[in-house]
PDB file of N, CA and C in Angstrom:
ATOM      1  N   UNK A   1       4.001  -0.870  -2.686  1.00  0.00           N
ATOM      2  CA  UNK A   1       4.021  -2.224  -3.165  1.00  0.00           C
ATOM      3  C   UNK A   1       2.614  -2.794  -3.037  1.00  0.00           C
ATOM      4  N   UNK A   2       2.094  -3.334  -4.128  1.00  0.00           N
ATOM      5  CA  UNK A   2       0.742  -3.873  -4.149  1.00  0.00           C
ATOM      6  C   UNK A   2       0.824  -5.385  -4.321  1.00  0.00           C
ATOM      7  N   UNK A   3       0.114  -6.113  -3.476  1.00  0.00           N
ATOM      8  CA  UNK A   3       0.064  -7.570  -3.575  1.00  0.00           C
ATOM      9  C   UNK A   3      -1.379  -8.018  -3.656  1.00  0.00           C
ATOM     10  N   UNK A   4      -1.616  -9.075  -4.447  1.00  0.00           N
ATOM     11  CA  UNK A   4      -2.949  -9.646  -4.549  1.00  0.00           C
ATOM     12  C   UNK A   4      -3.120 -10.701  -3.454  1.00  0.00           C
ATOM     13  N   UNK A   5      -4.237 -10.619  -2.743  1.00  0.00           N
ATOM     14  CA  UNK A   5      -4.521 -11.557  -1.659  1.00  0.00           C
ATOM     15  C   UNK A   5      -5.308 -12.752  -2.191  1.00  0.00           C
ATOM     16  N   UNK A   6      -5.385 -13.806  -1.405  1.00  0.00           N
ATOM     17  CA  UNK A   6      -6.155 -14.994  -1.801  1.00  0.00           C
ATOM     18  C   UNK A   6      -7.627 -14.673  -2.016  1.00  0.00           C
ATOM     19  N   UNK A   7      -8.124 -13.696  -1.294  1.00  0.00           N
ATOM     20  CA  UNK A   7      -9.530 -13.316  -1.400  1.00  0.00           C
ATOM     21  C   UNK A   7      -9.842 -12.586  -2.714  1.00  0.00           C
ATOM     22  N   UNK A   8      -8.785 -12.238  -3.467  1.00  0.00           N
ATOM     23  CA  UNK A   8      -8.977 -11.507  -4.725  1.00  0.00           C
ATOM     24  C   UNK A   8      -8.823 -10.009  -4.568  1.00  0.00           C
ATOM     25  N   UNK A   9      -8.674  -9.554  -3.331  1.00  0.00           N
ATOM     26  CA  UNK A   9      -8.477  -8.128  -3.093  1.00  0.00           C
ATOM     27  C   UNK A   9      -6.994  -7.786  -3.228  1.00  0.00           C
ATOM     28  N   UNK A  10      -6.720  -6.500  -3.256  1.00  0.00           N
ATOM     29  CA  UNK A  10      -5.341  -6.026  -3.383  1.00  0.00           C
ATOM     30  C   UNK A  10      -4.980  -5.235  -2.143  1.00  0.00           C
ATOM     31  N   UNK A  11      -3.765  -5.460  -1.643  1.00  0.00           N
ATOM     32  CA  UNK A  11      -3.325  -4.767  -0.450  1.00  0.00           C
ATOM     33  C   UNK A  11      -2.099  -3.926  -0.769  1.00  0.00           C
ATOM     34  N   UNK A  12      -2.134  -2.697  -0.253  1.00  0.00           N
ATOM     35  CA  UNK A  12      -1.018  -1.772  -0.437  1.00  0.00           C
ATOM     36  C   UNK A  12      -0.124  -1.835   0.789  1.00  0.00           C
ATOM     37  N   UNK A  13       1.159  -2.100   0.567  1.00  0.00           N
ATOM     38  CA  UNK A  13       2.147  -2.144   1.638  1.00  0.00           C
ATOM     39  C   UNK A  13       3.142  -1.017   1.461  1.00  0.00           C
ATOM     40  N   UNK A  14       3.736  -0.580   2.569  1.00  0.00           N
ATOM     41  CA  UNK A  14       4.763   0.462   2.490  1.00  0.00           C
ATOM     42  C   UNK A  14       5.977  -0.098   1.747  1.00  0.00           C
ATOM     43  N   UNK A  15       6.759   0.784   1.171  1.00  0.00           N
ATOM     44  CA  UNK A  15       7.948   0.374   0.421  1.00  0.00           C
ATOM     45  C   UNK A  15       9.055  -0.072   1.360  1.00  0.00           C
ATOM     46  N   UNK A  16       9.163   0.607   2.498  1.00  0.00           N
ATOM     47  CA  UNK A  16      10.217   0.263   3.461  1.00  0.00           C
ATOM     48  C   UNK A  16       9.680  -0.705   4.510  1.00  0.00           C
ATOM     49  N   UNK A  17      10.579  -1.473   5.064  1.00  0.00           N
ATOM     50  CA  UNK A  17      10.219  -2.413   6.128  1.00  0.00           C
ATOM     51  C   UNK A  17      10.201  -1.660   7.453  1.00  0.00           C
ATOM     52  N   UNK A  18       9.177  -1.900   8.256  1.00  0.00           N
ATOM     53  CA  UNK A  18       9.032  -1.264   9.563  1.00  0.00           C
ATOM     54  C   UNK A  18      10.092  -1.852  10.508  1.00  0.00           C
ATOM     55  N   UNK A  19      10.988  -1.045  11.042  1.00  0.00           N
ATOM     56  CA  UNK A  19      12.062  -1.582  11.902  1.00  0.00           C
ATOM     57  C   UNK A  19      11.556  -2.246  13.187  1.00  0.00           C
ATOM     58  N   UNK A  20      10.402  -1.824  13.685  1.00  0.00           N
ATOM     59  CA  UNK A  20       9.865  -2.418  14.927  1.00  0.00           C
ATOM     60  C   UNK A  20       9.378  -3.848  14.708  1.00  0.00           C
ATOM     61  N   UNK A  21       8.693  -4.081  13.600  1.00  0.00           N
ATOM     62  CA  UNK A  21       8.072  -5.384  13.367  1.00  0.00           C
ATOM     63  C   UNK A  21       8.863  -6.258  12.396  1.00  0.00           C
ATOM     64  N   UNK A  22       9.685  -5.625  11.563  1.00  0.00           N
ATOM     65  CA  UNK A  22      10.422  -6.380  10.551  1.00  0.00           C
ATOM     66  C   UNK A  22       9.578  -6.713   9.338  1.00  0.00           C
ATOM     67  N   UNK A  23       8.383  -6.116   9.248  1.00  0.00           N
ATOM     68  CA  UNK A  23       7.480  -6.360   8.120  1.00  0.00           C
ATOM     69  C   UNK A  23       7.096  -5.024   7.489  1.00  0.00           C
ATOM     70  N   UNK A  24       6.456  -5.120   6.345  1.00  0.00           N
ATOM     71  CA  UNK A  24       5.971  -3.904   5.678  1.00  0.00           C
ATOM     72  C   UNK A  24       4.644  -3.485   6.300  1.00  0.00           C
ATOM     73  N   UNK A  25       4.405  -2.203   6.377  1.00  0.00           N
ATOM     74  CA  UNK A  25       3.181  -1.682   6.983  1.00  0.00           C
ATOM     75  C   UNK A  25       2.007  -1.792   5.989  1.00  0.00           C
ATOM     76  N   UNK A  26       0.866  -2.233   6.473  1.00  0.00           N
ATOM     77  CA  UNK A  26      -0.340  -2.322   5.653  1.00  0.00           C
ATOM     78  C   UNK A  26      -0.924  -0.918   5.484  1.00  0.00           C
ATOM     79  N   UNK A  27      -1.052  -0.465   4.230  1.00  0.00           N
ATOM     80  CA  UNK A  27      -1.581   0.872   3.961  1.00  0.00           C
ATOM     81  C   UNK A  27      -2.991   0.838   3.387  1.00  0.00           C
ATOM     82  N   UNK A  28      -3.640  -0.312   3.467  1.00  0.00           N
ATOM     83  CA  UNK A  28      -5.018  -0.398   3.009  1.00  0.00           C
ATOM     84  C   UNK A  28      -5.276  -1.584   2.095  1.00  0.00           C
ATOM     85  N   UNK A  29      -6.529  -2.028   2.079  1.00  0.00           N
ATOM     86  CA  UNK A  29      -6.954  -3.144   1.239  1.00  0.00           C
ATOM     87  C   UNK A  29      -8.054  -2.628   0.313  1.00  0.00           C
ATOM     88  N   UNK A  30      -7.970  -3.028  -0.960  1.00  0.00           N
ATOM     89  CA  UNK A  30      -8.875  -2.486  -1.977  1.00  0.00           C
ATOM     90  C   UNK A  30      -9.455  -3.595  -2.836  1.00  0.00           C
ATOM     91  N   UNK A  31     -10.647  -3.370  -3.367  1.00  0.00           N
ATOM     92  CA  UNK A  31     -11.315  -4.372  -4.188  1.00  0.00           C
ATOM     93  C   UNK A  31     -10.661  -4.534  -5.563  1.00  0.00           C
ATOM     94  N   UNK A  32     -10.089  -3.455  -6.090  1.00  0.00           N
ATOM     95  CA  UNK A  32      -9.482  -3.517  -7.424  1.00  0.00           C
ATOM     96  C   UNK A  32      -8.046  -2.985  -7.376  1.00  0.00           C
ATOM     97  N   UNK A  33      -7.245  -3.444  -8.322  1.00  0.00           N
ATOM     98  CA  UNK A  33      -5.864  -2.991  -8.413  1.00  0.00           C
ATOM     99  C   UNK A  33      -5.823  -1.494  -8.749  1.00  0.00           C
ATOM    100  N   UNK A  34      -6.758  -1.077  -9.572  1.00  0.00           N
ATOM    101  CA  UNK A  34      -6.823   0.323  -9.964  1.00  0.00           C
ATOM    102  C   UNK A  34      -6.990   1.243  -8.747  1.00  0.00           C
ATOM    103  N   UNK A  35      -7.839   0.827  -7.806  1.00  0.00           N
ATOM    104  CA  UNK A  35      -8.068   1.617  -6.594  1.00  0.00           C
ATOM    105  C   UNK A  35      -6.812   1.650  -5.735  1.00  0.00           C
ATOM    106  N   UNK A  36      -6.083   0.524  -5.682  1.00  0.00           N
ATOM    107  CA  UNK A  36      -4.854   0.462  -4.890  1.00  0.00           C
ATOM    108  C   UNK A  36      -3.788   1.372  -5.483  1.00  0.00           C
ATOM    109  N   UNK A  37      -3.670   1.380  -6.805  1.00  0.00           N
ATOM    110  CA  UNK A  37      -2.695   2.249  -7.480  1.00  0.00           C
ATOM    111  C   UNK A  37      -3.041   3.716  -7.235  1.00  0.00           C
ATOM    112  N   UNK A  38      -4.334   4.027  -7.289  1.00  0.00           N
ATOM    113  CA  UNK A  38      -4.787   5.406  -7.043  1.00  0.00           C
ATOM    114  C   UNK A  38      -4.412   5.857  -5.635  1.00  0.00           C
ATOM    115  N   UNK A  39      -4.625   4.980  -4.667  1.00  0.00           N
ATOM    116  CA  UNK A  39      -4.296   5.329  -3.279  1.00  0.00           C
ATOM    117  C   UNK A  39      -2.784   5.447  -3.092  1.00  0.00           C
ATOM    118  N   UNK A  40      -2.028   4.583  -3.757  1.00  0.00           N
ATOM    119  CA  UNK A  40      -0.568   4.652  -3.639  1.00  0.00           C
ATOM    120  C   UNK A  40      -0.053   5.993  -4.158  1.00  0.00           C
ATOM    121  N   UNK A  41      -0.621   6.470  -5.245  1.00  0.00           N
ATOM    122  CA  UNK A  41      -0.228   7.780  -5.774  1.00  0.00           C
ATOM    123  C   UNK A  41      -0.554   8.899  -4.797  1.00  0.00           C
ATOM    124  N   UNK A  42      -1.707   8.791  -4.154  1.00  0.00           N
ATOM    125  CA  UNK A  42      -2.104   9.792  -3.157  1.00  0.00           C
ATOM    126  C   UNK A  42      -1.130   9.781  -1.972  1.00  0.00           C
ATOM    127  N   UNK A  43      -0.738   8.597  -1.526  1.00  0.00           N
ATOM    128  CA  UNK A  43       0.200   8.466  -0.413  1.00  0.00           C
ATOM    129  C   UNK A  43       1.516   9.128  -0.796  1.00  0.00           C
ATOM    130  N   UNK A  44       2.035   8.843  -2.001  1.00  0.00           N
ATOM    131  CA  UNK A  44       3.300   9.414  -2.429  1.00  0.00           C
ATOM    132  C   UNK A  44       3.211  10.935  -2.533  1.00  0.00           C
ATOM    133  N   UNK A  45       2.085  11.439  -3.013  1.00  0.00           N
ATOM    134  CA  UNK A  45       1.887  12.889  -3.136  1.00  0.00           C
ATOM    135  C   UNK A  45       1.962  13.547  -1.763  1.00  0.00           C
ATOM    136  N   UNK A  46       1.236  13.040  -0.786  1.00  0.00           N
ATOM    137  CA  UNK A  46       1.193  13.661   0.537  1.00  0.00           C
ATOM    138  C   UNK A  46       2.523  13.498   1.280  1.00  0.00           C
ATOM    139  N   UNK A  47       3.259  12.429   0.948  1.00  0.00           N
ATOM    140  CA  UNK A  47       4.570  12.235   1.559  1.00  0.00           C
ATOM    141  C   UNK A  47       5.549  13.341   1.130  1.00  0.00           C
ATOM    142  N   UNK A  48       5.396  13.799  -0.094  1.00  0.00           N
ATOM    143  CA  UNK A  48       6.396  14.683  -0.671  1.00  0.00           C
ATOM    144  C   UNK A  48       6.004  16.160  -0.736  1.00  0.00           C
ATOM    145  N   UNK A  49       4.763  16.488  -0.421  1.00  0.00           N
ATOM    146  CA  UNK A  49       4.298  17.871  -0.666  1.00  0.00           C
ATOM    147  C   UNK A  49       4.854  18.889   0.307  1.00  0.00           C
ATOM    148  N   UNK A  50       5.455  18.405   1.422  1.00  0.00           N
ATOM    149  CA  UNK A  50       6.095  19.339   2.335  1.00  0.00           C
ATOM    150  C   UNK A  50       5.115  19.989   3.190  1.00  0.00           C
TER     151      UNK A  50
END
């Protein structure tokens, strides 16, 4: 999940809510949406590659 911050940057959050905190985990902040999407794809790839 990607959200735009007030600063104009984009932050990548985990899809699931962290049971300990009740919030989504921050997976990185990026200057452009394109960079955030690229990182999200990388995260999904490494999650599933076994």
